[in-house]
Protein backbone atom coordinates (compact mmCIF):
# COMPACT_ATOMS: atom_id res chain seq x y z
CA MET A 1 97.91 -97.40 -49.44
CA LYS A 2 98.41 -94.39 -51.71
CA VAL A 3 102.12 -94.25 -52.61
CA GLU A 4 103.26 -92.62 -55.85
CA GLN A 5 106.75 -92.89 -57.24
CA ILE A 6 107.84 -89.78 -59.14
CA TYR A 7 110.73 -90.96 -61.29
CA THR A 8 113.23 -88.75 -63.13
CA GLY A 9 115.08 -90.86 -65.67
CA CYS A 10 117.99 -88.54 -66.44
CA LEU A 11 119.14 -88.86 -62.81
CA ALA A 12 117.69 -92.35 -62.25
CA HIS A 13 116.02 -90.73 -59.23
CA ALA A 14 112.81 -91.62 -57.42
CA ALA A 15 110.92 -89.33 -55.08
CA TYR A 16 107.75 -90.51 -53.33
CA TYR A 17 104.39 -88.92 -52.53
CA ILE A 18 101.91 -90.23 -50.00
CA GLU A 19 98.58 -88.70 -49.04
CA ASN A 20 95.75 -89.49 -46.67
CA LYS A 21 92.85 -87.36 -45.42
CA GLY A 22 94.23 -84.11 -46.75
CA GLU A 23 97.76 -84.56 -45.42
CA ALA A 24 100.72 -85.40 -47.66
CA ALA A 25 104.42 -86.15 -47.40
CA ILE A 26 107.24 -86.04 -49.92
CA PHE A 27 110.30 -88.28 -49.65
CA ASP A 28 113.65 -87.26 -51.20
CA PRO A 29 112.38 -84.51 -53.55
CA LEU A 30 114.36 -82.97 -56.37
CA ARG A 31 115.22 -79.30 -56.26
CA GLU A 32 112.41 -77.98 -58.46
CA VAL A 33 109.46 -78.48 -56.14
CA ALA A 34 106.53 -77.17 -58.22
CA PRO A 35 105.51 -80.70 -59.39
CA TYR A 36 105.18 -81.89 -55.80
CA ILE A 37 103.15 -78.87 -54.77
CA LYS A 38 100.85 -79.30 -57.78
CA ARG A 39 100.43 -82.98 -56.95
CA ALA A 40 99.31 -82.15 -53.43
CA GLU A 41 96.98 -79.42 -54.71
CA LYS A 42 95.33 -82.01 -56.97
CA ASP A 43 94.35 -83.90 -53.79
CA ASN A 44 93.49 -80.68 -51.93
CA ALA A 45 96.18 -81.80 -49.51
CA GLN A 46 98.69 -79.94 -47.38
CA ILE A 47 102.29 -81.17 -47.47
CA LYS A 48 102.99 -81.85 -43.81
CA TYR A 49 106.47 -83.39 -43.92
CA VAL A 50 109.46 -83.65 -46.22
CA PHE A 51 111.33 -86.84 -45.31
CA GLU A 52 114.98 -87.19 -46.27
CA THR A 53 116.57 -90.63 -46.21
CA HIS A 54 120.08 -89.11 -45.99
CA PHE A 55 122.22 -86.20 -47.17
CA HIS A 56 122.23 -86.93 -50.88
CA ALA A 57 125.39 -86.80 -52.97
CA ASP A 58 124.10 -87.08 -56.52
CA PHE A 59 121.56 -84.25 -56.42
CA VAL A 60 120.56 -81.19 -54.43
CA SER A 61 117.33 -81.99 -52.65
CA GLY A 62 114.27 -79.74 -52.64
CA HIS A 63 113.51 -79.96 -48.94
CA LEU A 64 114.40 -76.34 -48.14
CA ASP A 65 112.27 -74.88 -50.92
CA LEU A 66 109.36 -77.15 -49.98
CA HIS A 67 109.63 -75.99 -46.38
CA GLN A 68 109.73 -72.35 -47.47
CA LYS A 69 106.78 -72.65 -49.87
CA THR A 70 104.47 -74.96 -47.91
CA GLY A 71 105.60 -74.85 -44.29
CA ALA A 72 106.27 -78.60 -44.36
CA GLN A 73 108.59 -79.82 -41.63
CA ILE A 74 111.87 -81.37 -42.76
CA VAL A 75 112.68 -84.74 -41.20
CA PHE A 76 116.07 -86.47 -41.15
CA GLY A 77 117.08 -89.67 -39.43
CA PRO A 78 119.19 -90.10 -36.30
CA GLY A 79 122.58 -88.43 -36.30
CA ALA A 80 121.82 -85.87 -38.99
CA LYS A 81 123.08 -82.37 -38.23
CA PRO A 82 121.78 -79.97 -40.86
CA ASN A 83 122.60 -76.28 -40.62
CA TYR A 84 118.93 -75.28 -40.70
CA GLU A 85 115.70 -76.00 -38.90
CA ALA A 86 114.72 -79.66 -39.19
CA ILE A 87 113.51 -82.57 -37.08
CA THR A 88 116.21 -85.10 -36.28
CA ALA A 89 114.10 -88.18 -35.64
CA GLN A 90 114.80 -90.99 -33.22
CA ASP A 91 115.08 -94.62 -34.26
CA GLY A 92 111.59 -96.09 -33.96
CA GLN A 93 109.80 -92.72 -33.95
CA PHE A 94 106.41 -92.49 -35.67
CA PHE A 95 104.97 -89.68 -37.79
CA SER A 96 101.33 -89.46 -38.88
CA ILE A 97 100.07 -88.56 -42.36
CA GLY A 98 96.29 -88.59 -41.94
CA ASP A 99 95.63 -92.13 -40.76
CA TYR A 100 98.91 -93.42 -42.20
CA GLN A 101 101.98 -93.91 -40.03
CA VAL A 102 105.63 -93.53 -41.01
CA LYS A 103 108.11 -95.33 -38.77
CA VAL A 104 111.76 -94.27 -38.67
CA ILE A 105 114.25 -97.14 -38.99
CA HIS A 106 117.86 -96.00 -38.64
CA THR A 107 119.94 -97.92 -41.21
CA PRO A 108 123.48 -96.49 -41.28
CA GLY A 109 125.99 -97.70 -43.85
CA HIS A 110 125.58 -95.77 -47.06
CA THR A 111 125.97 -92.76 -44.76
CA MET A 112 125.77 -92.68 -40.99
CA GLU A 113 122.45 -90.81 -40.92
CA SER A 114 120.85 -93.06 -43.57
CA THR A 115 117.31 -93.95 -42.62
CA THR A 116 114.59 -96.23 -43.98
CA TYR A 117 110.95 -95.23 -43.57
CA LEU A 118 108.40 -97.98 -42.92
CA LEU A 119 104.96 -97.11 -44.35
CA ILE A 120 101.92 -98.31 -42.39
CA ASP A 121 98.41 -97.95 -43.82
CA GLU A 122 95.20 -96.78 -42.13
CA ALA A 123 94.43 -100.34 -41.00
CA GLY A 124 97.79 -100.67 -39.29
CA LYS A 125 99.22 -102.98 -41.95
CA GLU A 126 102.86 -102.54 -42.94
CA HIS A 127 102.86 -101.68 -46.65
CA GLY A 128 106.40 -100.85 -47.77
CA ILE A 129 109.77 -99.33 -47.03
CA ILE A 130 111.28 -96.21 -48.54
CA THR A 131 114.93 -97.20 -48.40
CA GLY A 132 116.84 -94.27 -49.89
CA ASP A 133 120.29 -95.55 -50.83
CA THR A 134 120.34 -98.30 -48.21
CA LEU A 135 118.66 -100.90 -50.41
CA PHE A 136 118.15 -100.75 -54.16
CA ILE A 137 116.53 -103.28 -56.45
CA GLY A 138 119.38 -105.70 -57.08
CA ASP A 139 121.95 -103.77 -55.10
CA VAL A 140 122.74 -101.71 -52.02
CA GLY A 141 124.20 -98.23 -51.65
CA ARG A 142 127.91 -97.64 -52.09
CA PRO A 143 129.63 -97.09 -48.73
CA ASP A 144 132.37 -94.68 -49.78
CA LEU A 145 130.59 -91.35 -50.11
CA ALA A 146 130.35 -90.15 -46.51
CA GLN A 147 134.09 -90.61 -46.01
CA HIS A 148 134.69 -87.71 -48.39
CA VAL A 149 132.84 -85.45 -45.92
CA VAL A 150 133.69 -87.11 -42.57
CA SER A 151 137.38 -87.98 -42.69
CA GLU A 152 137.45 -90.56 -39.88
CA LEU A 153 135.01 -92.82 -41.71
CA THR A 154 136.35 -95.47 -44.04
CA GLU A 155 134.50 -97.39 -46.71
CA GLU A 156 135.21 -100.62 -44.80
CA LYS A 157 133.63 -99.21 -41.62
CA LEU A 158 130.61 -97.96 -43.51
CA ALA A 159 130.22 -101.27 -45.33
CA GLY A 160 130.26 -103.02 -41.96
CA HIS A 161 127.52 -100.72 -40.67
CA LEU A 162 125.50 -101.40 -43.83
CA TYR A 163 125.81 -105.16 -43.32
CA ASP A 164 124.45 -104.80 -39.79
CA SER A 165 121.62 -102.50 -40.90
CA LEU A 166 120.50 -104.90 -43.62
CA ARG A 167 120.67 -108.00 -41.40
CA ASN A 168 119.26 -106.50 -38.21
CA LYS A 169 116.82 -103.85 -39.47
CA ILE A 170 115.70 -104.69 -43.02
CA MET A 171 115.83 -108.45 -43.55
CA PRO A 172 113.69 -109.31 -40.46
CA LEU A 173 110.80 -107.32 -41.99
CA SER A 174 107.93 -108.99 -43.85
CA ASP A 175 108.61 -110.45 -47.29
CA THR A 176 105.41 -108.81 -48.56
CA LEU A 177 106.72 -105.25 -48.07
CA ILE A 178 107.28 -103.23 -51.23
CA VAL A 179 110.78 -101.78 -51.52
CA TYR A 180 110.82 -98.17 -52.75
CA PRO A 181 114.46 -97.16 -53.42
CA ASN A 182 115.83 -93.70 -54.23
CA HIS A 183 117.52 -94.79 -57.49
CA GLY A 184 117.37 -97.21 -60.38
CA ALA A 185 119.79 -98.39 -63.05
CA GLY A 186 122.10 -95.67 -64.29
CA SER A 187 122.79 -94.04 -60.94
CA ALA A 188 126.37 -93.82 -59.72
CA CYS A 189 125.18 -94.52 -56.15
CA GLY A 190 125.42 -98.28 -56.74
CA LYS A 191 126.92 -100.70 -59.24
CA LYS A 192 124.37 -103.47 -59.97
CA MET A 193 121.00 -101.74 -59.84
CA SER A 194 118.09 -103.24 -61.72
CA LYS A 195 116.03 -101.38 -64.31
CA GLU A 196 113.04 -102.21 -62.10
CA THR A 197 112.27 -99.46 -59.62
CA THR A 198 110.21 -101.42 -57.06
CA ASP A 199 110.04 -105.00 -55.84
CA THR A 200 108.95 -107.01 -52.83
CA LEU A 201 111.41 -107.44 -50.01
CA GLY A 202 110.91 -111.19 -50.23
CA ASN A 203 112.07 -111.29 -53.83
CA GLN A 204 115.06 -109.12 -53.01
CA LYS A 205 116.07 -111.57 -50.29
CA LYS A 206 116.14 -114.24 -52.99
CA THR A 207 117.81 -112.29 -55.80
CA ASN A 208 119.89 -109.44 -54.36
CA TYR A 209 123.52 -110.53 -53.91
CA ALA A 210 123.90 -108.33 -50.83
CA LEU A 211 121.04 -110.03 -48.97
CA ARG A 212 122.30 -113.60 -49.14
CA ALA A 213 121.45 -115.25 -45.85
CA ASP A 214 124.74 -117.17 -45.66
CA MET A 215 126.96 -114.14 -46.33
CA SER A 216 129.45 -113.22 -43.59
CA LYS A 217 130.30 -109.60 -42.84
CA ASP A 218 133.78 -110.01 -44.30
CA GLU A 219 132.33 -111.50 -47.50
CA PHE A 220 129.79 -108.68 -47.72
CA ILE A 221 132.44 -106.00 -47.34
CA LYS A 222 134.68 -107.63 -49.94
CA GLU A 223 131.89 -108.04 -52.51
CA LEU A 224 130.50 -104.57 -51.92
CA LEU A 225 133.84 -102.84 -52.37
CA ASP A 226 134.99 -104.98 -55.30
CA GLY A 227 134.86 -103.03 -58.54
CA LEU A 228 133.72 -99.82 -56.87
CA THR A 229 134.72 -96.94 -59.14
CA THR A 230 135.68 -93.45 -58.00
CA PRO A 231 132.51 -91.42 -57.35
CA PRO A 232 131.87 -88.36 -59.51
CA GLY A 233 133.70 -85.29 -58.31
CA TYR A 234 130.58 -83.26 -57.60
CA PHE A 235 129.18 -85.74 -55.07
CA PRO A 236 130.91 -84.30 -51.96
CA LYS A 237 129.89 -80.79 -53.02
CA ASN A 238 126.24 -81.78 -53.27
CA VAL A 239 126.42 -83.42 -49.85
CA LEU A 240 127.68 -80.16 -48.35
CA MET A 241 124.95 -78.16 -50.08
CA ASN A 242 122.34 -80.52 -48.65
CA ILE A 243 123.84 -80.19 -45.16
CA GLN A 244 124.58 -76.47 -45.16
CA GLY A 245 121.73 -75.12 -47.27
CA TYR A 246 121.64 -73.44 -50.67
CA GLU A 247 120.08 -70.68 -52.76
CA SER A 248 116.40 -71.12 -53.63
CA PHE A 249 115.76 -72.70 -57.00
CA ASP A 250 113.55 -69.77 -58.00
CA LYS A 251 116.41 -67.31 -57.51
CA VAL A 252 118.92 -69.53 -59.34
CA LYS A 253 116.50 -69.87 -62.26
CA HIS A 254 115.77 -66.13 -62.33
CA ASN A 255 119.48 -65.26 -62.45
CA ALA A 256 120.11 -67.76 -65.23
CA GLU A 257 117.23 -66.80 -67.50
CA ASN A 258 119.16 -63.95 -69.06
CA PRO A 259 118.76 -63.94 -72.88
CA LEU A 260 121.79 -62.56 -74.70
CA THR A 261 122.05 -61.54 -78.33
CA PRO A 262 125.09 -62.89 -80.21
CA ASP A 263 126.95 -59.61 -79.63
CA GLU A 264 126.07 -59.59 -75.94
CA PHE A 265 126.93 -63.28 -75.60
CA GLU A 266 130.32 -62.73 -77.24
CA ALA A 267 131.05 -59.71 -75.06
CA VAL A 268 130.22 -61.57 -71.84
CA ALA A 269 132.29 -64.55 -72.95
CA ASN A 270 135.26 -62.30 -73.69
CA VAL A 271 135.26 -60.41 -70.38
CA SER A 272 134.31 -63.26 -68.03
CA GLN A 273 135.78 -66.64 -67.20
CA ALA A 274 132.49 -68.30 -68.14
CA LEU A 275 132.48 -71.72 -69.77
CA ILE A 276 130.38 -71.99 -72.94
CA LEU A 277 128.25 -75.10 -72.55
CA ASP A 278 126.46 -76.22 -75.72
CA THR A 279 123.62 -78.61 -74.93
CA ARG A 280 122.55 -79.47 -78.50
CA ASN A 281 122.78 -83.01 -79.79
CA ALA A 282 126.15 -84.29 -80.96
CA ASN A 283 125.35 -84.19 -84.69
CA ASP A 284 124.25 -80.57 -84.67
CA PHE A 285 127.18 -79.54 -82.51
CA ALA A 286 129.73 -81.28 -84.75
CA LYS A 287 128.54 -79.37 -87.81
CA ALA A 288 129.01 -75.92 -86.28
CA PHE A 289 129.60 -74.47 -82.84
CA ILE A 290 131.02 -71.43 -81.07
CA PRO A 291 134.79 -71.88 -80.68
CA ASN A 292 135.88 -73.17 -77.25
CA SER A 293 132.42 -74.56 -76.48
CA ILE A 294 132.00 -77.81 -74.58
CA ASN A 295 129.24 -80.10 -75.82
CA ILE A 296 127.21 -82.01 -73.22
CA GLY A 297 123.86 -82.77 -74.81
CA LEU A 298 120.49 -82.60 -73.10
CA ASP A 299 119.60 -85.84 -74.88
CA GLY A 300 121.92 -87.88 -72.64
CA ASN A 301 123.11 -88.00 -69.03
CA TYR A 302 123.56 -84.25 -69.12
CA ALA A 303 123.67 -83.22 -65.46
CA PRO A 304 125.82 -86.14 -64.23
CA TRP A 305 128.38 -85.51 -66.99
CA VAL A 306 128.45 -81.81 -66.17
CA GLY A 307 129.12 -82.76 -62.55
CA GLU A 308 131.78 -85.25 -63.59
CA LEU A 309 133.67 -83.00 -66.00
CA ILE A 310 133.21 -79.41 -64.80
CA THR A 311 135.18 -79.72 -61.60
CA ASN A 312 134.47 -76.24 -60.25
CA ILE A 313 130.85 -76.17 -59.07
CA GLU A 314 131.12 -72.36 -58.81
CA GLN A 315 132.03 -72.09 -62.50
CA GLU A 316 130.10 -69.40 -64.37
CA ILE A 317 128.34 -70.89 -67.40
CA LEU A 318 126.97 -69.48 -70.65
CA LEU A 319 124.43 -71.77 -72.31
CA VAL A 320 123.80 -72.58 -75.95
CA THR A 321 120.61 -74.60 -76.32
CA GLU A 322 118.04 -75.43 -78.90
CA GLU A 323 115.54 -72.59 -78.88
CA GLY A 324 113.13 -73.02 -75.97
CA LYS A 325 115.30 -75.58 -74.17
CA GLN A 326 117.12 -73.14 -71.89
CA GLU A 327 114.79 -73.70 -68.93
CA GLU A 328 115.36 -77.45 -69.04
CA ALA A 329 119.13 -76.95 -69.27
CA ILE A 330 119.11 -74.54 -66.30
CA THR A 331 116.87 -76.80 -64.20
CA ARG A 332 118.94 -79.90 -64.77
CA LEU A 333 122.14 -78.02 -63.89
CA ALA A 334 120.60 -76.75 -60.66
CA ARG A 335 119.64 -80.28 -59.67
CA VAL A 336 123.32 -81.09 -59.25
CA GLY A 337 124.32 -77.73 -57.75
CA TYR A 338 125.56 -75.81 -60.78
CA ASP A 339 123.89 -72.54 -59.87
CA HIS A 340 126.01 -70.03 -61.77
CA VAL A 341 124.53 -69.85 -65.24
CA ILE A 342 124.83 -66.17 -66.21
CA GLY A 343 122.93 -66.22 -69.49
CA TYR A 344 121.99 -68.08 -72.64
CA LEU A 345 122.21 -67.40 -76.37
CA LYS A 346 118.90 -65.86 -77.44
CA GLY A 347 117.50 -67.61 -80.50
CA GLY A 348 119.81 -70.59 -80.04
CA PHE A 349 122.79 -71.31 -82.25
CA THR A 350 120.84 -70.20 -85.33
CA SER A 351 121.14 -66.60 -84.17
CA TRP A 352 124.94 -66.97 -83.96
CA LYS A 353 125.15 -68.69 -87.35
CA ASN A 354 123.22 -65.81 -88.95
CA THR A 355 126.02 -63.42 -88.05
CA GLU A 356 129.53 -63.37 -89.47
CA LYS A 357 131.02 -64.52 -86.21
CA GLU A 358 133.55 -67.33 -86.08
CA ILE A 359 132.37 -70.93 -85.91
CA ASP A 360 134.18 -74.24 -85.54
CA SER A 361 133.32 -77.84 -86.43
CA ILE A 362 134.37 -81.43 -85.75
CA GLU A 363 134.67 -84.11 -88.40
CA ARG A 364 132.44 -87.15 -87.94
CA ILE A 365 133.11 -90.25 -90.02
CA SER A 366 130.96 -93.28 -90.81
CA CYS A 367 131.77 -96.72 -89.50
CA GLU A 368 132.65 -97.71 -93.09
CA ALA A 369 135.20 -94.89 -93.23
CA PHE A 370 136.48 -96.04 -89.86
CA GLU A 371 136.95 -99.52 -91.29
CA ARG A 372 139.00 -98.22 -94.20
CA MET A 373 141.17 -96.08 -91.93
CA TYR A 374 141.67 -98.97 -89.56
CA ASN A 375 142.76 -101.35 -92.32
CA GLU A 376 144.86 -98.89 -94.32
CA ASN A 377 146.28 -96.18 -92.09
CA ARG A 378 146.70 -97.74 -88.65
CA LEU A 379 145.85 -94.47 -86.96
CA LEU A 380 145.61 -94.02 -83.23
CA PHE A 381 142.16 -95.16 -82.05
CA ILE A 382 140.90 -93.84 -78.72
CA ASP A 383 137.92 -95.46 -77.01
CA VAL A 384 136.39 -93.20 -74.32
CA ARG A 385 133.96 -95.78 -72.93
CA LYS A 386 134.19 -97.03 -69.36
CA LYS A 387 136.90 -99.58 -68.61
CA SER A 388 134.28 -102.27 -67.97
CA GLU A 389 132.82 -101.70 -71.45
CA PHE A 390 136.26 -101.77 -73.02
CA ASP A 391 137.23 -104.94 -71.17
CA ALA A 392 134.12 -106.71 -72.44
CA GLU A 393 134.94 -106.04 -76.11
CA HIS A 394 136.92 -103.45 -77.99
CA VAL A 395 138.66 -102.57 -81.20
CA GLU A 396 141.90 -104.47 -81.28
CA GLY A 397 144.83 -102.09 -80.88
CA SER A 398 142.72 -99.21 -79.52
CA ILE A 399 143.57 -97.24 -76.39
CA ASN A 400 141.03 -96.90 -73.60
CA ILE A 401 140.88 -93.43 -72.03
CA PRO A 402 137.50 -93.21 -70.24
CA LEU A 403 135.82 -89.85 -70.66
CA ASN A 404 135.98 -89.04 -66.96
CA GLN A 405 139.79 -89.50 -67.08
CA LEU A 406 140.40 -87.51 -70.25
CA SER A 407 141.65 -84.30 -68.64
CA GLU A 408 144.14 -86.19 -66.47
CA ARG A 409 145.47 -88.28 -69.38
CA LEU A 410 145.95 -85.68 -72.11
CA ALA A 411 149.68 -86.47 -72.20
CA GLU A 412 148.78 -89.84 -73.77
CA ILE A 413 147.17 -88.10 -76.77
CA PRO A 414 149.85 -86.58 -79.06
CA LYS A 415 148.93 -83.37 -80.86
CA ASP A 416 151.20 -84.21 -83.78
CA ARG A 417 149.45 -87.47 -84.69
CA SER A 418 146.02 -88.06 -86.22
CA PHE A 419 143.57 -90.10 -84.22
CA ILE A 420 139.97 -91.34 -84.18
CA LEU A 421 137.62 -91.05 -81.20
CA PHE A 422 134.63 -93.22 -80.40
CA CYS A 423 132.43 -94.33 -77.52
CA GLY A 424 129.36 -96.54 -77.35
CA GLY A 425 127.01 -94.47 -79.49
CA GLY A 426 128.55 -91.06 -80.12
CA TYR A 427 127.36 -89.01 -77.14
CA ARG A 428 130.44 -89.31 -74.93
CA SER A 429 132.95 -89.13 -77.76
CA MET A 430 131.54 -85.77 -78.87
CA ILE A 431 131.97 -84.48 -75.33
CA ALA A 432 135.58 -85.69 -75.53
CA ALA A 433 136.01 -84.14 -78.99
CA SER A 434 134.79 -80.77 -77.78
CA MET A 435 137.14 -80.90 -74.79
CA LEU A 436 140.09 -81.76 -77.02
CA LYS A 437 139.19 -78.98 -79.47
CA GLN A 438 139.14 -76.53 -76.59
CA ARG A 439 142.65 -77.67 -75.65
CA GLY A 440 144.06 -77.15 -79.14
CA TYR A 441 143.76 -80.60 -80.73
CA GLU A 442 142.88 -80.46 -84.43
CA SER A 443 143.88 -83.62 -86.30
CA PHE A 444 141.16 -86.06 -85.28
CA ALA A 445 137.68 -87.31 -86.14
CA ASP A 446 134.78 -88.86 -84.26
CA VAL A 447 132.93 -92.04 -85.31
CA LEU A 448 129.24 -91.48 -86.02
CA GLY A 449 127.28 -94.06 -84.04
CA GLY A 450 130.32 -95.19 -82.08
CA PHE A 451 131.23 -98.76 -81.24
CA LYS A 452 127.66 -99.91 -81.72
CA SER A 453 127.75 -98.87 -85.38
CA ILE A 454 131.21 -100.31 -85.89
CA LYS A 455 129.93 -103.72 -84.73
CA GLU A 456 126.93 -103.57 -87.06
CA THR A 457 128.94 -103.23 -90.28
CA GLN A 458 129.35 -106.12 -92.72
CA VAL A 459 133.10 -106.37 -92.18
CA LYS A 460 134.47 -109.24 -90.18
CA ILE A 461 134.52 -108.21 -86.58
CA SER A 462 137.48 -110.48 -85.97
CA GLN A 463 139.59 -108.13 -88.07
CA TYR A 464 139.41 -105.35 -85.55
CA VAL A 465 137.29 -106.40 -82.56
CA CYS A 466 138.67 -109.17 -80.42
CA PRO A 467 136.42 -110.01 -77.46
CA SER A 468 138.34 -113.19 -76.61
CA THR A 469 141.82 -111.64 -76.69
CA LEU A 470 141.69 -108.58 -74.50
CA LEU A 471 144.57 -106.14 -74.40
């Protein structure tokens, strides 16, 4: 059976394409739909359906634009109530793609409308299941997202529904089926996802903690909810966009592709409430940047961190990118619903630097310099990694303020005392540094290479890293 996974690593997202006899279907597409249309054109196929496994929280889906551009019918599972034309399928309903069949299996739990699609080939053989966020490789979907949209739901109730869906709808299926999930490792939609992006259902029954045959519902709920972190703030907003509808990606992109000279950029920044978002890598940003810029680099988890840290999804944004990277920056923002880019710096930061306009910088120190400061000065050391990373091993005497909590915990960072920032490798700590600069902090430095570099020095780790004696 012809099933193609179209994987986007920066969101740990998988869409799927199937085609038979000139008919095609797309499952859980991203917002920029041109790649899917081109893929179908390569097969001289017409996209007949766009199947959605649920109302996604971590990205804005491309179903509406695909419908508008190709006429494909949008299909949701039972209970879905979108504010636009779509098929709300029944449990057990079949859809044909050429000689292929797609069977709807309602699997509530991650959300109440969550649906798994069983793929059946031209010979009538069951081939695989497209599971959305119901079943991942090594994990299952977190059950606390829908409650932020539907108030009467609780994570315990959703987890109970998920237990029933897995036991009654998924686990009775053939062990030979290939599992095609919506996400892989790195997604915030689960907590133990594998780096593998497909597997057989039989192997998942053996290795996935959530599919243990002897697990009671109470045990399942307890294990599933244990260690569940707060979801990123933009998740409920993306859910609502996917339910209610949104502006076409083409229009969002057209509005954003507005090149501004340094003078024009400065003028717009001065008269608007726009946030200046610099997407260059951390090293380049640290050396020189436009004052009050926030650095979230394209070379990392750019869109998820934007969604985590820029709490107002309607925020107007001015972009600073490497020359030629503005389209990528705009596209990746639109994937998570940040549709209000109003322009970008023409010629990149070089054009700004070639003027006499003000610039700022952030000091970055080597791990050797960090060692000297640690041993001699006893400065304040702030680790912005996740709590789980910090708990595993950390610099003895350091303070853990995870990046996604920085704005709420500024009172813990004194402006009258020097401090050193670091994270795992330098990406997150530069985001933190730029945020602190914007808020008036001056007496600090960032560690080049982060905790990873600190560990690789020749100094005795026991002097300042104490994995066995956690704070």
